[in-house]
Amino acid sequence: MLVQVIYASRAIRPFSDRDLVLLLRKSRDRNRRHGITGMLVYQEPIFLQVLEGEAGELEPVWRDIAADPRHGQIVELRSGPVESRDYGEWSMGFFNASWNGCAALAGYTRFLDLDFSPEGFAMAPERAIAFMRWIRDAGMGL
């Protein structure tokens, strides 16, 4: 069964560009091995991530991510079966929303001015989902 998990969390400390590159390399490797696709958004210090894959492959990966000591205040925004993948082209798409040039991008949205936090997303999970789809559809996930 194909499942999807979307969550938000707060980094224990800020992630440097180098930290983010290392995280992405490791995540993309692991995801390819397990047939997992998705996207990661980072706006210091918040992570927003969607993961999708077969339940038997995704569940242990999700448990490892949830136990990672580099982040806390994890809020699961959506979890369950899906009919198809939303991010099937990416082993792990990535968008650094902390980048100061975001406002210059075509289609920039003031979404980032809203409550970009695990607690804020918990109150309105559809905002997080819509934002991630906007990044995907604009082709901004590396």
C-alpha atoms as a PDB file:
ATOM      1  CA  MET A   1       0.000   0.000   0.000  1.00  0.00           C
ATOM      2  CA  LEU A   2       1.316   3.442  -0.981  1.00  0.00           C
ATOM      3  CA  VAL A   3       1.399   5.884   1.953  1.00  0.00           C
ATOM      4  CA  GLN A   4       2.361   9.504   2.503  1.00  0.00           C
ATOM      5  CA  VAL A   5       3.591  11.273   5.636  1.00  0.00           C
ATOM      6  CA  ILE A   6       3.800  15.055   5.946  1.00  0.00           C
ATOM      7  CA  TYR A   7       5.343  16.610   9.043  1.00  0.00           C
ATOM      8  CA  ALA A   8       6.874  19.799  10.391  1.00  0.00           C
ATOM      9  CA  SER A   9       9.609  20.020  13.004  1.00  0.00           C
ATOM     10  CA  ARG A  10      11.990  22.481  14.622  1.00  0.00           C
ATOM     11  CA  ALA A  11      15.774  22.051  14.288  1.00  0.00           C
ATOM     12  CA  ILE A  12      17.623  21.948  17.616  1.00  0.00           C
ATOM     13  CA  ARG A  13      20.214  24.319  16.113  1.00  0.00           C
ATOM     14  CA  PRO A  14      20.460  26.171  12.782  1.00  0.00           C
ATOM     15  CA  PHE A  15      21.604  24.068   9.811  1.00  0.00           C
ATOM     16  CA  SER A  16      24.431  25.533   7.728  1.00  0.00           C
ATOM     17  CA  ASP A  17      24.485  25.084   3.954  1.00  0.00           C
ATOM     18  CA  ARG A  18      27.014  22.292   4.489  1.00  0.00           C
ATOM     19  CA  ASP A  19      24.730  20.598   7.045  1.00  0.00           C
ATOM     20  CA  LEU A  20      21.835  20.774   4.576  1.00  0.00           C
ATOM     21  CA  VAL A  21      23.905  19.316   1.720  1.00  0.00           C
ATOM     22  CA  LEU A  22      25.035  16.401   3.907  1.00  0.00           C
ATOM     23  CA  LEU A  23      21.461  15.796   5.078  1.00  0.00           C
ATOM     24  CA  LEU A  24      20.205  15.792   1.488  1.00  0.00           C
ATOM     25  CA  ARG A  25      22.902  13.409   0.248  1.00  0.00           C
ATOM     26  CA  LYS A  26      22.181  10.911   3.002  1.00  0.00           C
ATOM     27  CA  SER A  27      18.398  11.252   2.596  1.00  0.00           C
ATOM     28  CA  ARG A  28      18.478  10.881  -1.180  1.00  0.00           C
ATOM     29  CA  ASP A  29      20.666   7.772  -0.898  1.00  0.00           C
ATOM     30  CA  ARG A  30      18.403   6.168   1.688  1.00  0.00           C
ATOM     31  CA  ASN A  31      15.251   7.103  -0.213  1.00  0.00           C
ATOM     32  CA  ARG A  32      16.514   5.590  -3.487  1.00  0.00           C
ATOM     33  CA  ARG A  33      17.316   2.335  -1.689  1.00  0.00           C
ATOM     34  CA  HIS A  34      13.792   2.183  -0.235  1.00  0.00           C
ATOM     35  CA  GLY A  35      11.787   3.548  -3.182  1.00  0.00           C
ATOM     36  CA  ILE A  36      10.777   6.650  -1.210  1.00  0.00           C
ATOM     37  CA  THR A  37      10.066   9.995  -2.850  1.00  0.00           C
ATOM     38  CA  GLY A  38       9.303  13.402  -1.387  1.00  0.00           C
ATOM     39  CA  MET A  39      10.453  16.901  -0.681  1.00  0.00           C
ATOM     40  CA  LEU A  40      12.104  18.808   2.158  1.00  0.00           C
ATOM     41  CA  VAL A  41      11.611  22.518   2.823  1.00  0.00           C
ATOM     42  CA  TYR A  42      13.821  24.358   5.292  1.00  0.00           C
ATOM     43  CA  GLN A  43      13.198  27.806   6.705  1.00  0.00           C
ATOM     44  CA  GLU A  44      15.520  28.235   9.634  1.00  0.00           C
ATOM     45  CA  PRO A  45      14.865  26.592  12.066  1.00  0.00           C
ATOM     46  CA  ILE A  46      11.802  24.779  10.652  1.00  0.00           C
ATOM     47  CA  PHE A  47      11.677  21.648   8.516  1.00  0.00           C
ATOM     48  CA  LEU A  48       8.609  20.760   6.461  1.00  0.00           C
ATOM     49  CA  GLN A  49       8.761  17.403   4.715  1.00  0.00           C
ATOM     50  CA  VAL A  50       6.628  15.028   2.697  1.00  0.00           C
ATOM     51  CA  LEU A  51       7.621  11.380   2.290  1.00  0.00           C
ATOM     52  CA  GLU A  52       5.831   8.793   0.174  1.00  0.00           C
ATOM     53  CA  GLY A  53       6.406   5.134  -0.546  1.00  0.00           C
ATOM     54  CA  GLU A  54       5.246   1.624   0.171  1.00  0.00           C
ATOM     55  CA  ALA A  55       4.183   1.266   3.811  1.00  0.00           C
ATOM     56  CA  GLY A  56       6.714  -1.463   4.602  1.00  0.00           C
ATOM     57  CA  GLU A  57       9.571   0.693   3.320  1.00  0.00           C
ATOM     58  CA  LEU A  58       8.397   4.086   4.553  1.00  0.00           C
ATOM     59  CA  GLU A  59       7.404   3.237   8.127  1.00  0.00           C
ATOM     60  CA  PRO A  60      10.914   2.311   9.401  1.00  0.00           C
ATOM     61  CA  VAL A  61      12.420   5.340   7.635  1.00  0.00           C
ATOM     62  CA  TRP A  62       9.793   7.601   9.222  1.00  0.00           C
ATOM     63  CA  ARG A  63      10.536   6.115  12.667  1.00  0.00           C
ATOM     64  CA  ASP A  64      14.259   6.881  12.177  1.00  0.00           C
ATOM     65  CA  ILE A  65      13.503  10.462  11.093  1.00  0.00           C
ATOM     66  CA  ALA A  66      11.178  11.001  14.055  1.00  0.00           C
ATOM     67  CA  ALA A  67      13.902   9.767  16.420  1.00  0.00           C
ATOM     68  CA  ASP A  68      16.641  11.974  14.895  1.00  0.00           C
ATOM     69  CA  PRO A  69      18.009  14.157  17.740  1.00  0.00           C
ATOM     70  CA  ARG A  70      18.741  17.081  15.382  1.00  0.00           C
ATOM     71  CA  HIS A  71      15.101  18.149  15.504  1.00  0.00           C
ATOM     72  CA  GLY A  72      12.157  18.195  17.885  1.00  0.00           C
ATOM     73  CA  GLN A  73       8.607  19.509  18.214  1.00  0.00           C
ATOM     74  CA  ILE A  74       7.627  17.097  15.446  1.00  0.00           C
ATOM     75  CA  VAL A  75       4.043  17.540  14.288  1.00  0.00           C
ATOM     76  CA  GLU A  76       2.578  14.968  11.917  1.00  0.00           C
ATOM     77  CA  LEU A  77       0.305  16.908   9.560  1.00  0.00           C
ATOM     78  CA  ARG A  78      -0.934  14.037   7.425  1.00  0.00           C
ATOM     79  CA  SER A  79      -0.304  10.318   7.385  1.00  0.00           C
ATOM     80  CA  GLY A  80      -2.054   7.586   5.485  1.00  0.00           C
ATOM     81  CA  PRO A  81      -2.690   5.830   2.203  1.00  0.00           C
ATOM     82  CA  VAL A  82      -2.621   7.702  -1.099  1.00  0.00           C
ATOM     83  CA  GLU A  83      -3.583   6.575  -4.571  1.00  0.00           C
ATOM     84  CA  SER A  84      -0.504   8.005  -6.269  1.00  0.00           C
ATOM     85  CA  ARG A  85       2.712   9.849  -5.546  1.00  0.00           C
ATOM     86  CA  ASP A  86       2.719  13.646  -5.516  1.00  0.00           C
ATOM     87  CA  TYR A  87       6.541  13.880  -5.636  1.00  0.00           C
ATOM     88  CA  GLY A  88       7.422  10.810  -7.706  1.00  0.00           C
ATOM     89  CA  GLU A  89      10.127  12.608  -9.677  1.00  0.00           C
ATOM     90  CA  TRP A  90      12.265  13.364  -6.614  1.00  0.00           C
ATOM     91  CA  SER A  91      14.069  11.001  -4.261  1.00  0.00           C
ATOM     92  CA  MET A  92      14.147  14.144  -2.108  1.00  0.00           C
ATOM     93  CA  GLY A  93      13.335  17.508  -3.628  1.00  0.00           C
ATOM     94  CA  PHE A  94      14.643  20.440  -1.610  1.00  0.00           C
ATOM     95  CA  PHE A  95      13.835  24.108  -1.182  1.00  0.00           C
ATOM     96  CA  ASN A  96      15.707  26.425   1.183  1.00  0.00           C
ATOM     97  CA  ALA A  97      13.083  29.012   2.101  1.00  0.00           C
ATOM     98  CA  SER A  98      15.634  30.765   4.340  1.00  0.00           C
ATOM     99  CA  TRP A  99      17.411  32.087   1.259  1.00  0.00           C
ATOM    100  CA  ASN A 100      17.099  35.872   1.267  1.00  0.00           C
ATOM    101  CA  GLY A 101      16.457  36.018  -2.491  1.00  0.00           C
ATOM    102  CA  CYS A 102      13.112  34.189  -2.237  1.00  0.00           C
ATOM    103  CA  ALA A 103      11.106  37.380  -2.737  1.00  0.00           C
ATOM    104  CA  ALA A 104      12.739  37.849  -6.156  1.00  0.00           C
ATOM    105  CA  LEU A 105      11.460  34.487  -7.454  1.00  0.00           C
ATOM    106  CA  ALA A 106       8.631  34.494  -9.974  1.00  0.00           C
ATOM    107  CA  GLY A 107       5.396  33.579  -8.238  1.00  0.00           C
ATOM    108  CA  TYR A 108       6.715  34.524  -4.785  1.00  0.00           C
ATOM    109  CA  THR A 109       4.054  34.134  -2.157  1.00  0.00           C
ATOM    110  CA  ARG A 110       3.762  35.832   1.221  1.00  0.00           C
ATOM    111  CA  PHE A 111       3.145  32.375   2.669  1.00  0.00           C
ATOM    112  CA  LEU A 112       6.473  32.542   4.469  1.00  0.00           C
ATOM    113  CA  ASP A 113       5.279  35.592   6.381  1.00  0.00           C
ATOM    114  CA  LEU A 114       2.607  33.449   8.048  1.00  0.00           C
ATOM    115  CA  ASP A 115       3.230  31.186  11.035  1.00  0.00           C
ATOM    116  CA  PHE A 116       5.879  28.886   9.538  1.00  0.00           C
ATOM    117  CA  SER A 117       6.166  26.588  12.547  1.00  0.00           C
ATOM    118  CA  PRO A 118       5.119  23.088  13.571  1.00  0.00           C
ATOM    119  CA  GLU A 119       2.444  24.602  15.813  1.00  0.00           C
ATOM    120  CA  GLY A 120       1.155  26.893  13.055  1.00  0.00           C
ATOM    121  CA  PHE A 121       0.984  24.051  10.557  1.00  0.00           C
ATOM    122  CA  ALA A 122      -0.781  21.828  13.082  1.00  0.00           C
ATOM    123  CA  MET A 123      -3.598  24.379  13.193  1.00  0.00           C
ATOM    124  CA  ALA A 124      -3.845  24.525   9.376  1.00  0.00           C
ATOM    125  CA  PRO A 125      -2.144  21.498   7.746  1.00  0.00           C
ATOM    126  CA  GLU A 126      -3.668  22.381   4.379  1.00  0.00           C
ATOM    127  CA  ARG A 127      -1.392  25.477   4.262  1.00  0.00           C
ATOM    128  CA  ALA A 128       1.705  23.288   4.454  1.00  0.00           C
ATOM    129  CA  ILE A 129       0.395  20.928   1.800  1.00  0.00           C
ATOM    130  CA  ALA A 130      -0.548  23.804  -0.526  1.00  0.00           C
ATOM    131  CA  PHE A 131       2.868  25.426  -0.048  1.00  0.00           C
ATOM    132  CA  MET A 132       4.741  22.239  -0.896  1.00  0.00           C
ATOM    133  CA  ARG A 133       2.621  21.745  -4.006  1.00  0.00           C
ATOM    134  CA  TRP A 134       3.343  25.345  -5.037  1.00  0.00           C
ATOM    135  CA  ILE A 135       7.091  24.643  -4.800  1.00  0.00           C
ATOM    136  CA  ARG A 136       6.671  21.407  -6.762  1.00  0.00           C
ATOM    137  CA  ASP A 137       4.521  22.979  -9.472  1.00  0.00           C
ATOM    138  CA  ALA A 138       6.876  25.948  -9.839  1.00  0.00           C
ATOM    139  CA  GLY A 139       9.765  23.518 -10.348  1.00  0.00           C
ATOM    140  CA  MET A 140      11.742  24.992  -7.458  1.00  0.00           C
ATOM    141  CA  GLY A 141      12.608  21.765  -5.629  1.00  0.00           C
ATOM    142  CA  LEU A 142      16.216  20.871  -6.458  1.00  0.00           C
END
